[in-house]
Protein backbone atom coordinates (compact mmCIF):
# COMPACT_ATOMS: atom_id res chain seq x y z
CA MET A 1 108.58 125.80 186.84
CA LEU A 2 106.28 125.74 183.82
CA LEU A 3 108.64 128.08 181.99
CA PHE A 4 111.59 125.80 182.75
CA ILE A 5 109.69 122.78 181.38
CA THR A 6 108.88 124.80 178.25
CA VAL A 7 112.58 125.60 177.84
CA VAL A 8 113.56 121.93 178.16
CA VAL A 9 110.89 120.89 175.65
CA ALA A 10 112.11 123.57 173.23
CA ALA A 11 115.71 122.39 173.75
CA ILE A 12 114.70 118.81 173.01
CA PHE A 13 112.87 119.93 169.86
CA PHE A 14 115.94 121.91 168.77
CA GLU A 15 118.17 118.90 169.36
CA TYR A 16 115.79 116.70 167.38
CA SER A 17 115.73 119.22 164.51
CA ASN A 18 119.52 119.40 164.74
CA GLY A 19 119.60 115.63 164.28
CA PHE A 20 117.51 115.52 161.11
CA HIS A 21 118.84 118.84 159.82
CA ASP A 22 122.48 117.78 160.17
CA ALA A 23 122.04 114.08 159.41
CA ALA A 24 123.39 114.88 155.97
CA ASN A 25 126.72 115.91 157.51
CA ALA A 26 127.65 112.32 158.19
CA ILE A 27 125.79 110.29 155.61
CA ALA A 28 125.16 112.29 152.42
CA THR A 29 128.34 111.07 150.75
CA VAL A 30 127.97 107.44 151.82
CA ILE A 31 124.43 107.43 150.38
CA SER A 32 125.34 109.20 147.14
CA THR A 33 128.17 106.73 146.48
CA LYS A 34 125.72 103.86 147.15
CA VAL A 35 128.09 102.27 149.68
CA LEU A 36 125.16 102.06 152.12
CA THR A 37 121.43 102.23 151.60
CA PRO A 38 119.67 105.26 153.11
CA ARG A 39 118.26 103.15 155.96
CA GLN A 40 121.64 101.60 156.76
CA ALA A 41 123.36 104.99 156.66
CA ILE A 42 120.82 106.68 158.92
CA ALA A 43 120.95 103.82 161.45
CA MET A 44 124.74 104.00 161.52
CA ALA A 45 124.74 107.78 161.90
CA ALA A 46 122.21 107.61 164.74
CA ILE A 47 124.35 105.10 166.65
CA PHE A 48 127.61 106.99 166.25
CA ASN A 49 126.00 110.37 166.91
CA LEU A 50 124.90 108.81 170.19
CA THR A 51 128.38 107.58 171.13
CA GLY A 52 129.90 110.96 170.25
CA ALA A 53 127.29 112.93 172.19
CA LEU A 54 128.08 111.03 175.39
CA MET A 55 131.76 111.99 175.28
CA GLY A 56 133.36 115.20 176.51
CA GLY A 57 131.84 118.46 177.69
CA ALA A 58 134.16 121.26 176.55
CA VAL A 59 131.80 122.47 173.81
CA ALA A 60 128.84 122.44 176.22
CA ALA A 61 130.78 124.60 178.66
CA THR A 62 131.63 127.09 175.91
CA VAL A 63 128.01 127.49 174.79
CA GLY A 64 126.57 127.49 178.30
CA LYS A 65 128.92 129.94 180.01
CA GLY A 66 131.62 131.09 177.58
CA LEU A 67 129.70 133.28 175.11
CA VAL A 68 127.42 135.54 177.18
CA ASP A 69 127.37 136.78 180.77
CA THR A 70 125.29 134.17 182.61
CA SER A 71 124.44 136.62 185.41
CA ILE A 72 121.91 138.44 183.20
CA VAL A 73 120.42 135.37 181.51
CA THR A 74 116.83 134.54 182.43
CA MET A 75 114.62 131.64 181.49
CA PRO A 76 112.85 133.69 178.77
CA THR A 77 116.31 134.55 177.36
CA VAL A 78 117.09 130.86 176.88
CA LEU A 79 113.63 130.13 175.44
CA CYS A 80 113.87 132.97 172.90
CA ALA A 81 117.31 131.76 171.81
CA LEU A 82 115.96 128.26 171.21
CA ILE A 83 112.89 129.46 169.29
CA ALA A 84 115.09 131.59 167.00
CA ALA A 85 117.39 128.62 166.31
CA ILE A 86 114.50 126.22 165.69
CA PHE A 87 112.90 128.64 163.23
CA TRP A 88 116.15 128.98 161.26
CA ASN A 89 116.71 125.21 161.26
CA LEU A 90 113.23 124.53 159.88
CA LEU A 91 113.48 127.31 157.28
CA THR A 92 116.84 126.18 155.88
CA TRP A 93 115.79 122.52 156.04
CA TRP A 94 112.68 123.33 153.99
CA LEU A 95 114.83 125.14 151.44
CA GLY A 96 117.33 122.25 151.39
CA ILE A 97 120.23 124.52 152.39
CA PRO A 98 122.88 123.00 154.70
CA SER A 99 123.21 125.89 157.16
CA SER A 100 124.68 125.74 160.66
CA SER A 101 122.46 124.68 163.57
CA SER A 102 125.32 125.64 165.87
CA HIS A 103 125.51 129.21 164.65
CA ALA A 104 121.72 129.44 164.71
CA LEU A 105 121.71 128.58 168.42
CA ILE A 106 124.66 130.86 169.23
CA GLY A 107 123.16 133.76 167.27
CA GLY A 108 119.81 133.34 169.01
CA LEU A 109 121.47 133.24 172.42
CA CYS A 110 123.56 136.36 171.78
CA GLY A 111 120.59 138.32 170.42
CA ALA A 112 118.30 137.32 173.29
CA ALA A 113 121.00 138.08 175.88
CA LEU A 114 121.62 141.50 174.33
CA ALA A 115 117.92 142.32 174.57
CA THR A 116 117.75 141.09 178.17
CA ALA A 117 120.73 143.32 179.03
CA HIS A 118 119.02 146.32 177.36
CA GLU A 119 121.63 146.71 174.60
CA ASN A 120 124.59 146.46 176.95
CA TRP A 121 127.09 144.97 174.51
CA GLY A 122 129.36 144.06 177.41
CA VAL A 123 127.12 141.07 178.04
CA LEU A 124 128.70 139.38 175.01
CA LYS A 125 132.03 137.70 175.79
CA TRP A 126 133.68 138.82 172.60
CA GLY A 127 137.41 138.58 173.31
CA ALA A 128 137.40 135.34 175.30
CA GLY A 129 134.57 133.45 173.61
CA LEU A 130 132.80 134.73 170.50
CA TRP A 131 135.79 135.84 168.45
CA PRO A 132 138.23 132.94 169.01
CA LYS A 133 135.65 130.15 169.32
CA VAL A 134 132.83 131.18 166.97
CA VAL A 135 133.61 133.95 164.48
CA LEU A 136 137.21 133.04 163.63
CA PRO A 137 136.46 129.29 163.21
CA MET A 138 133.46 130.23 161.05
CA PHE A 139 135.94 131.38 158.40
CA THR A 140 138.97 129.20 159.08
CA SER A 141 137.24 125.80 159.40
CA PRO A 142 135.67 125.80 155.89
CA ILE A 143 138.98 126.99 154.42
CA LEU A 144 140.80 124.18 156.23
CA GLY A 145 138.14 121.69 155.08
CA PHE A 146 138.49 122.82 151.46
CA ILE A 147 142.30 122.78 151.48
CA ILE A 148 142.85 119.56 153.47
CA GLY A 149 140.12 117.75 151.54
CA GLY A 150 141.67 118.83 148.25
CA VAL A 151 145.22 117.90 149.33
CA LEU A 152 144.13 114.50 150.65
CA MET A 153 142.23 113.82 147.43
CA PHE A 154 145.25 114.81 145.35
CA ILE A 155 147.52 112.49 147.36
CA LEU A 156 145.07 109.62 146.96
CA LEU A 157 144.89 110.18 143.20
CA VAL A 158 148.70 110.05 142.96
CA VAL A 159 149.03 106.97 145.18
CA LEU A 160 146.18 105.07 143.53
CA ARG A 161 146.96 105.76 139.86
CA GLY A 162 148.47 102.29 139.40
CA PHE A 163 145.37 100.46 140.67
CA THR A 164 142.32 99.45 138.68
CA PRO A 165 139.01 101.25 139.23
CA TYR A 166 137.50 97.99 140.53
CA VAL A 167 140.11 97.64 143.30
CA ILE A 168 139.83 101.31 144.27
CA HIS A 169 136.04 101.18 144.37
CA LYS A 170 135.98 97.98 146.41
CA PHE A 171 138.57 99.12 148.97
CA PHE A 172 137.14 102.59 149.52
CA GLY A 173 133.61 101.23 149.58
CA ASN A 174 134.59 99.51 152.83
CA ALA A 175 136.81 102.36 154.03
CA GLN A 176 134.03 104.89 153.54
CA VAL A 177 131.83 103.08 156.05
CA LEU A 178 134.55 103.71 158.65
CA SER A 179 135.03 107.36 157.66
CA ALA A 180 131.27 107.98 157.74
CA ALA A 181 131.06 106.40 161.21
CA TRP A 182 133.94 108.62 162.37
CA MET A 183 132.21 111.66 160.92
CA ALA A 184 128.97 110.77 162.73
CA HIS A 185 130.83 110.27 166.01
CA SER A 186 132.63 113.61 165.61
CA HIS A 187 129.34 115.32 164.83
CA GLY A 188 127.93 113.97 168.09
CA THR A 189 130.91 115.19 170.14
CA ASN A 190 130.36 118.73 168.87
CA ASP A 191 126.74 119.36 167.92
CA ALA A 192 124.91 117.54 170.72
CA GLN A 193 127.12 119.32 173.26
CA LYS A 194 125.60 122.69 172.36
CA THR A 195 122.11 121.79 173.53
CA MET A 196 123.60 120.21 176.65
CA GLY A 197 125.16 123.58 177.41
CA ILE A 198 121.85 125.39 176.88
CA ILE A 199 119.90 123.04 179.18
CA THR A 200 122.61 123.30 181.84
CA LEU A 201 122.43 127.09 181.50
CA ALA A 202 118.65 126.86 182.05
CA LEU A 203 119.23 124.72 185.15
CA PHE A 204 121.75 127.22 186.50
CA THR A 205 119.42 130.14 185.73
CA GLY A 206 116.47 128.40 187.38
CA THR A 207 118.48 127.60 190.50
CA LYS A 208 119.72 131.20 190.72
CA ALA A 209 116.13 132.50 190.41
CA GLY A 210 114.81 130.10 193.07
CA THR A 211 112.60 128.21 190.61
CA PHE A 212 113.44 124.83 192.17
CA ASN A 213 113.27 125.84 195.86
CA GLN A 214 109.82 124.38 196.51
CA LEU A 215 110.27 121.14 194.59
CA PRO A 216 110.13 117.74 196.32
CA ARG A 217 113.39 116.08 197.34
CA TRP A 218 113.34 113.57 194.48
CA LEU A 219 113.69 116.48 192.02
CA GLY A 220 116.81 117.70 193.78
CA PHE A 221 118.91 116.76 190.74
CA LEU A 222 117.57 119.92 189.05
CA HIS A 223 119.48 122.17 191.47
CA THR A 224 122.57 123.47 189.68
CA PRO A 225 124.14 126.18 191.88
CA ALA A 226 127.28 126.37 189.72
CA PHE A 227 127.92 125.75 186.02
CA THR A 228 130.79 123.32 186.47
CA ALA A 229 129.83 120.23 184.48
CA VAL A 230 126.95 118.94 182.39
CA PRO A 231 124.73 116.59 184.46
CA VAL A 232 124.75 112.99 183.26
CA TRP A 233 120.97 112.95 182.72
CA VAL A 234 121.27 115.98 180.41
CA LYS A 235 123.96 114.20 178.37
CA ILE A 236 121.81 111.09 178.00
CA LEU A 237 118.68 113.09 177.12
CA CYS A 238 120.46 115.14 174.42
CA ALA A 239 122.34 112.16 173.02
CA LEU A 240 119.19 110.06 172.62
CA THR A 241 117.25 113.00 171.15
CA MET A 242 119.92 113.75 168.57
CA ALA A 243 120.12 110.07 167.65
CA ALA A 244 116.34 110.00 167.18
CA GLY A 245 116.46 113.12 165.01
CA THR A 246 119.25 111.65 162.92
CA ALA A 247 117.23 108.45 162.49
CA ALA A 248 114.39 110.55 161.08
CA GLY A 249 116.70 111.69 158.30
CA GLY A 250 117.03 115.00 156.53
CA TRP A 251 116.40 114.08 152.94
CA ARG A 252 116.28 117.59 151.48
CA ILE A 253 119.77 118.42 152.72
CA ILE A 254 121.08 114.92 151.99
CA ARG A 255 120.12 115.46 148.34
CA THR A 256 121.87 118.85 148.30
CA LEU A 257 125.17 117.63 149.74
CA GLY A 258 125.21 114.15 148.31
CA HIS A 259 123.84 114.63 144.81
CA LYS A 260 123.44 118.25 143.75
CA MET A 261 126.78 119.80 144.74
CA VAL A 262 129.13 117.29 143.05
CA LYS A 263 128.98 113.65 141.96
CA LEU A 264 131.10 111.49 144.26
CA GLN A 265 132.62 108.02 144.27
CA PRO A 266 133.67 106.11 147.43
CA VAL A 267 137.25 107.41 147.34
CA HIS A 268 135.97 111.01 147.23
CA GLY A 269 133.49 110.35 150.03
CA PHE A 270 136.26 108.83 152.15
CA ALA A 271 138.50 111.88 151.64
CA ALA A 272 135.74 114.38 152.47
CA GLU A 273 134.47 112.55 155.55
CA SER A 274 137.94 111.87 156.96
CA THR A 275 138.91 115.52 156.53
CA ALA A 276 135.77 116.83 158.21
CA ALA A 277 135.90 114.31 161.06
CA LEU A 278 139.52 115.22 161.84
CA ILE A 279 138.79 118.95 161.99
CA ILE A 280 135.61 118.55 164.05
CA GLN A 281 137.27 116.17 166.52
CA GLY A 282 140.09 118.64 167.08
CA ALA A 283 137.66 121.52 167.59
CA SER A 284 135.64 119.51 170.12
CA HIS A 285 138.80 118.86 172.15
CA PHE A 286 139.40 122.61 172.49
CA GLY A 287 135.75 123.44 173.24
CA ILE A 288 135.09 125.16 169.91
CA PRO A 289 131.40 124.95 168.90
CA LEU A 290 132.20 124.41 165.26
CA SER A 291 129.73 124.33 162.41
CA THR A 292 129.94 120.71 161.30
CA THR A 293 127.85 121.68 158.28
CA HIS A 294 130.42 124.24 157.14
CA VAL A 295 133.28 121.78 157.49
CA ILE A 296 131.79 118.79 155.65
CA SER A 297 130.35 121.04 152.90
CA ALA A 298 133.73 122.70 152.33
CA SER A 299 135.50 119.33 152.41
CA ILE A 300 133.17 118.02 149.71
CA MET A 301 133.85 121.17 147.67
CA GLY A 302 137.62 120.70 148.01
CA VAL A 303 137.48 117.04 147.04
CA GLY A 304 135.13 117.79 144.15
CA ALA A 305 137.34 120.62 142.87
CA VAL A 306 140.34 118.28 142.66
CA LYS A 307 138.25 115.65 140.93
CA ARG A 308 137.03 118.19 138.35
CA PHE A 309 136.74 121.89 139.13
CA SER A 310 133.87 122.44 136.70
CA GLY A 311 132.08 119.45 138.22
CA VAL A 312 131.21 121.44 141.34
CA LYS A 313 127.96 123.38 141.01
CA TRP A 314 129.32 126.73 142.16
CA SER A 315 125.94 128.46 141.85
CA LEU A 316 124.63 126.11 144.54
CA VAL A 317 127.78 126.71 146.60
CA GLU A 318 127.06 130.45 146.45
CA ARG A 319 123.59 129.89 147.94
CA ILE A 320 125.08 127.77 150.72
CA VAL A 321 127.75 130.37 151.54
CA TRP A 322 125.12 133.11 151.76
CA ALA A 323 123.19 130.96 154.27
CA TRP A 324 126.39 130.56 156.30
CA VAL A 325 127.00 134.31 156.35
CA LEU A 326 123.41 135.22 157.24
CA THR A 327 122.84 132.63 159.98
CA LEU A 328 124.45 134.48 162.92
CA PRO A 329 122.98 137.95 162.22
CA ALA A 330 119.55 136.60 161.23
CA THR A 331 119.10 134.44 164.32
CA GLY A 332 120.70 137.11 166.49
CA LEU A 333 118.12 139.65 165.29
CA PHE A 334 115.27 137.18 165.68
CA GLY A 335 116.39 136.20 169.19
CA TYR A 336 116.67 139.90 170.11
CA LEU A 337 113.14 140.68 168.83
CA LEU A 338 111.64 137.66 170.58
CA ALA A 339 113.26 138.64 173.87
CA ARG A 340 111.96 142.19 173.48
CA VAL A 341 108.42 140.91 172.88
CA ALA A 342 108.71 138.53 175.85
CA GLU A 343 109.82 141.42 178.07
CA ALA A 344 106.92 143.57 176.90
CA LEU A 345 104.45 140.80 177.72
């Protein structure tokens, strides 16, 4: 039981770090364009991350039972996956690099599961889960974000060329609040779901191992004999934790996305946020644990490239892309090593 509590605490800490690590996803542009103050933007993002996190469950099901064989997963497996993801989140946050919390968690889970299965690669659900719902979207979603963001920005420039800068700035200053709220809501529907899936997997694993057999009746809600749906209390816990993490802010990454990559105005922020929110919302519907960081970063790049190609700091983009590429293998290796050490102890 102590191990299960440790897993839940680690999951909560990961969700909190996910909130402040990925807060920039929803609010970096709205802060950089000065449409909202940092405090206003963070409060708005926390609220709409909360509403998004309470909706749906397809992404949670994918992470909890669609990526690895749950029959071999133990409580230490889940704990090692979480520790690997938390370490990567804190490292990239400290460096100010907008990497993917989602891929950090998935990489950690796959690595830890592989170690638990003693290098039996069959434990990884490659054809049905990892390839179509993780690896393929890892490449296609940023490309879509870049292209759609650029096309939308180009259309807006053509449509708005007869209007004065004052009118454009005023209209999109208001519109960007709505697009940022939509982005925050979409982020909640996708990112918070991943930790829900991990906690539900821990509940299922604990029930299978008999961890909860001797508990008093009032703790009966912990029994999860089948991974069918995410319990309501898990949804509420994860939603509130992510909202709290978002409220704490992630200033290092906010500066990277909102100020260092490209200078934005409200119309550019609106285009980037609307593009990212649309892609993330669609992925959530199909249970794809998308990297919201990849999508919003690529959307900002696409919008910025249309505004002025040389205005995008491509050297910074290169650093970000390297972090994207390294996240899955790095956390997978770390999760594997942690699980090996845990087994030895």
